[in-house]
Amino acid sequence: MNEQEAKFDRGSALSIFGSDRREDFMALVFALVIAFGVYITH
């Protein structure tokens, strides 16, 4: 098997953020905002 074929591509080319770490952090913040909103409304 070739080394190039074994590499896993996360699709960073389609991301609006420059780095995966920033993308993951923004996803976490977005999830916390939604959870807080649900907590406040119920």
PDB file of N, CA and C in Angstrom:
ATOM      1  N   MET A   1       0.856  -1.190   0.000  1.00  0.00           N
ATOM      2  CA  MET A   1       0.000   0.000   0.000  1.00  0.00           C
ATOM      3  C   MET A   1       0.894   1.243   0.000  1.00  0.00           C
ATOM      4  N   ASN A   2       0.483   2.224  -0.719  1.00  0.00           N
ATOM      5  CA  ASN A   2       1.245   3.456  -0.843  1.00  0.00           C
ATOM      6  C   ASN A   2       0.980   4.379   0.348  1.00  0.00           C
ATOM      7  N   GLU A   3       1.985   5.137   0.759  1.00  0.00           N
ATOM      8  CA  GLU A   3       1.835   6.073   1.884  1.00  0.00           C
ATOM      9  C   GLU A   3       0.797   7.140   1.568  1.00  0.00           C
ATOM     10  N   GLN A   4       0.737   7.572   0.327  1.00  0.00           N
ATOM     11  CA  GLN A   4      -0.206   8.618  -0.078  1.00  0.00           C
ATOM     12  C   GLN A   4      -1.652   8.123   0.021  1.00  0.00           C
ATOM     13  N   GLU A   5      -1.893   6.858  -0.279  1.00  0.00           N
ATOM     14  CA  GLU A   5      -3.246   6.303  -0.234  1.00  0.00           C
ATOM     15  C   GLU A   5      -3.731   6.115   1.197  1.00  0.00           C
ATOM     16  N   ALA A   6      -2.818   5.897   2.135  1.00  0.00           N
ATOM     17  CA  ALA A   6      -3.192   5.620   3.513  1.00  0.00           C
ATOM     18  C   ALA A   6      -3.537   6.895   4.282  1.00  0.00           C
ATOM     19  N   LYS A   7      -3.175   8.037   3.751  1.00  0.00           N
ATOM     20  CA  LYS A   7      -3.418   9.305   4.455  1.00  0.00           C
ATOM     21  C   LYS A   7      -4.911   9.618   4.484  1.00  0.00           C
ATOM     22  N   PHE A   8      -5.391   9.999   5.658  1.00  0.00           N
ATOM     23  CA  PHE A   8      -6.801  10.326   5.822  1.00  0.00           C
ATOM     24  C   PHE A   8      -6.999  11.822   5.625  1.00  0.00           C
ATOM     25  N   ASP A   9      -7.886  12.181   4.722  1.00  0.00           N
ATOM     26  CA  ASP A   9      -8.150  13.579   4.419  1.00  0.00           C
ATOM     27  C   ASP A   9      -9.419  14.022   5.121  1.00  0.00           C
ATOM     28  N   ARG A  10      -9.321  15.038   5.972  1.00  0.00           N
ATOM     29  CA  ARG A  10     -10.480  15.533   6.712  1.00  0.00           C
ATOM     30  C   ARG A  10     -11.295  16.518   5.895  1.00  0.00           C
ATOM     31  N   GLY A  11     -10.871  16.824   4.695  1.00  0.00           N
ATOM     32  CA  GLY A  11     -11.614  17.759   3.874  1.00  0.00           C
ATOM     33  C   GLY A  11     -11.347  19.203   4.252  1.00  0.00           C
ATOM     34  N   SER A  12     -10.117  19.504   4.642  1.00  0.00           N
ATOM     35  CA  SER A  12      -9.772  20.852   5.077  1.00  0.00           C
ATOM     36  C   SER A  12      -9.912  21.875   3.957  1.00  0.00           C
ATOM     37  N   ALA A  13      -9.856  21.421   2.719  1.00  0.00           N
ATOM     38  CA  ALA A  13      -9.989  22.343   1.594  1.00  0.00           C
ATOM     39  C   ALA A  13     -11.389  22.953   1.530  1.00  0.00           C
ATOM     40  N   LEU A  14     -12.369  22.256   2.100  1.00  0.00           N
ATOM     41  CA  LEU A  14     -13.740  22.759   2.091  1.00  0.00           C
ATOM     42  C   LEU A  14     -14.061  23.591   3.330  1.00  0.00           C
ATOM     43  N   SER A  15     -13.124  23.664   4.243  1.00  0.00           N
ATOM     44  CA  SER A  15     -13.353  24.372   5.504  1.00  0.00           C
ATOM     45  C   SER A  15     -13.247  25.880   5.315  1.00  0.00           C
ATOM     46  N   ILE A  16     -14.040  26.617   6.083  1.00  0.00           N
ATOM     47  CA  ILE A  16     -13.957  28.072   6.029  1.00  0.00           C
ATOM     48  C   ILE A  16     -12.883  28.589   6.979  1.00  0.00           C
ATOM     49  N   PHE A  17     -12.321  27.719   7.807  1.00  0.00           N
ATOM     50  CA  PHE A  17     -11.265  28.108   8.732  1.00  0.00           C
ATOM     51  C   PHE A  17      -9.922  27.603   8.223  1.00  0.00           C
ATOM     52  N   GLY A  18      -8.867  28.286   8.617  1.00  0.00           N
ATOM     53  CA  GLY A  18      -7.535  27.909   8.153  1.00  0.00           C
ATOM     54  C   GLY A  18      -6.986  26.671   8.822  1.00  0.00           C
ATOM     55  N   SER A  19      -7.420  26.411  10.049  1.00  0.00           N
ATOM     56  CA  SER A  19      -6.871  25.266  10.772  1.00  0.00           C
ATOM     57  C   SER A  19      -7.991  24.412  11.356  1.00  0.00           C
ATOM     58  N   ASP A  20      -7.718  23.146  11.522  1.00  0.00           N
ATOM     59  CA  ASP A  20      -8.697  22.229  12.103  1.00  0.00           C
ATOM     60  C   ASP A  20      -8.956  22.561  13.564  1.00  0.00           C
ATOM     61  N   ARG A  21      -7.928  23.030  14.272  1.00  0.00           N
ATOM     62  CA  ARG A  21      -8.089  23.351  15.690  1.00  0.00           C
ATOM     63  C   ARG A  21      -9.078  24.499  15.870  1.00  0.00           C
ATOM     64  N   ARG A  22      -8.982  25.521  15.027  1.00  0.00           N
ATOM     65  CA  ARG A  22      -9.924  26.645  15.108  1.00  0.00           C
ATOM     66  C   ARG A  22     -11.335  26.191  14.753  1.00  0.00           C
ATOM     67  N   GLU A  23     -11.438  25.326  13.755  1.00  0.00           N
ATOM     68  CA  GLU A  23     -12.747  24.806  13.355  1.00  0.00           C
ATOM     69  C   GLU A  23     -13.388  24.011  14.491  1.00  0.00           C
ATOM     70  N   ASP A  24     -12.596  23.165  15.158  1.00  0.00           N
ATOM     71  CA  ASP A  24     -13.113  22.377  16.280  1.00  0.00           C
ATOM     72  C   ASP A  24     -13.515  23.271  17.443  1.00  0.00           C
ATOM     73  N   PHE A  25     -12.723  24.311  17.705  1.00  0.00           N
ATOM     74  CA  PHE A  25     -13.038  25.231  18.792  1.00  0.00           C
ATOM     75  C   PHE A  25     -14.331  25.990  18.520  1.00  0.00           C
ATOM     76  N   MET A  26     -14.514  26.451  17.289  1.00  0.00           N
ATOM     77  CA  MET A  26     -15.733  27.177  16.940  1.00  0.00           C
ATOM     78  C   MET A  26     -16.954  26.263  17.017  1.00  0.00           C
ATOM     79  N   ALA A  27     -16.789  24.992  16.638  1.00  0.00           N
ATOM     80  CA  ALA A  27     -17.891  24.036  16.751  1.00  0.00           C
ATOM     81  C   ALA A  27     -18.262  23.834  18.220  1.00  0.00           C
ATOM     82  N   LEU A  28     -17.268  23.785  19.097  1.00  0.00           N
ATOM     83  CA  LEU A  28     -17.533  23.636  20.526  1.00  0.00           C
ATOM     84  C   LEU A  28     -18.268  24.861  21.072  1.00  0.00           C
ATOM     85  N   VAL A  29     -17.826  26.052  20.706  1.00  0.00           N
ATOM     86  CA  VAL A  29     -18.483  27.278  21.159  1.00  0.00           C
ATOM     87  C   VAL A  29     -19.924  27.325  20.652  1.00  0.00           C
ATOM     88  N   PHE A  30     -20.130  26.965  19.398  1.00  0.00           N
ATOM     89  CA  PHE A  30     -21.475  26.967  18.826  1.00  0.00           C
ATOM     90  C   PHE A  30     -22.387  25.996  19.574  1.00  0.00           C
ATOM     91  N   ALA A  31     -21.870  24.813  19.899  1.00  0.00           N
ATOM     92  CA  ALA A  31     -22.658  23.829  20.643  1.00  0.00           C
ATOM     93  C   ALA A  31     -22.993  24.329  22.042  1.00  0.00           C
ATOM     94  N   LEU A  32     -22.056  25.000  22.686  1.00  0.00           N
ATOM     95  CA  LEU A  32     -22.320  25.532  24.024  1.00  0.00           C
ATOM     96  C   LEU A  32     -23.358  26.647  23.989  1.00  0.00           C
ATOM     97  N   VAL A  33     -23.332  27.473  22.963  1.00  0.00           N
ATOM     98  CA  VAL A  33     -24.334  28.539  22.814  1.00  0.00           C
ATOM     99  C   VAL A  33     -25.717  27.942  22.641  1.00  0.00           C
ATOM    100  N   ILE A  34     -25.831  26.906  21.823  1.00  0.00           N
ATOM    101  CA  ILE A  34     -27.129  26.249  21.615  1.00  0.00           C
ATOM    102  C   ILE A  34     -27.607  25.609  22.928  1.00  0.00           C
ATOM    103  N   ALA A  35     -26.703  24.926  23.626  1.00  0.00           N
ATOM    104  CA  ALA A  35     -27.082  24.294  24.884  1.00  0.00           C
ATOM    105  C   ALA A  35     -27.528  25.327  25.917  1.00  0.00           C
ATOM    106  N   PHE A  36     -26.831  26.453  25.976  1.00  0.00           N
ATOM    107  CA  PHE A  36     -27.212  27.517  26.908  1.00  0.00           C
ATOM    108  C   PHE A  36     -28.578  28.102  26.546  1.00  0.00           C
ATOM    109  N   GLY A  37     -28.823  28.274  25.256  1.00  0.00           N
ATOM    110  CA  GLY A  37     -30.109  28.778  24.808  1.00  0.00           C
ATOM    111  C   GLY A  37     -31.253  27.851  25.158  1.00  0.00           C
ATOM    112  N   VAL A  38     -31.046  26.566  24.994  1.00  0.00           N
ATOM    113  CA  VAL A  38     -32.065  25.576  25.362  1.00  0.00           C
ATOM    114  C   VAL A  38     -32.287  25.575  26.866  1.00  0.00           C
ATOM    115  N   TYR A  39     -31.207  25.697  27.633  1.00  0.00           N
ATOM    116  CA  TYR A  39     -31.312  25.722  29.097  1.00  0.00           C
ATOM    117  C   TYR A  39     -32.095  26.942  29.578  1.00  0.00           C
ATOM    118  N   ILE A  40     -31.892  28.080  28.967  1.00  0.00           N
ATOM    119  CA  ILE A  40     -32.571  29.308  29.371  1.00  0.00           C
ATOM    120  C   ILE A  40     -34.065  29.256  29.010  1.00  0.00           C
ATOM    121  N   THR A  41     -34.385  28.721  27.862  1.00  0.00           N
ATOM    122  CA  THR A  41     -35.779  28.740  27.407  1.00  0.00           C
ATOM    123  C   THR A  41     -36.646  27.669  28.061  1.00  0.00           C
ATOM    124  N   HIS A  42     -36.046  26.697  28.750  1.00  0.00           N
ATOM    125  CA  HIS A  42     -36.851  25.637  29.379  1.00  0.00           C
ATOM    126  C   HIS A  42     -36.747  25.674  30.872  1.00  0.00           C
TER     127      HIS A  42
END
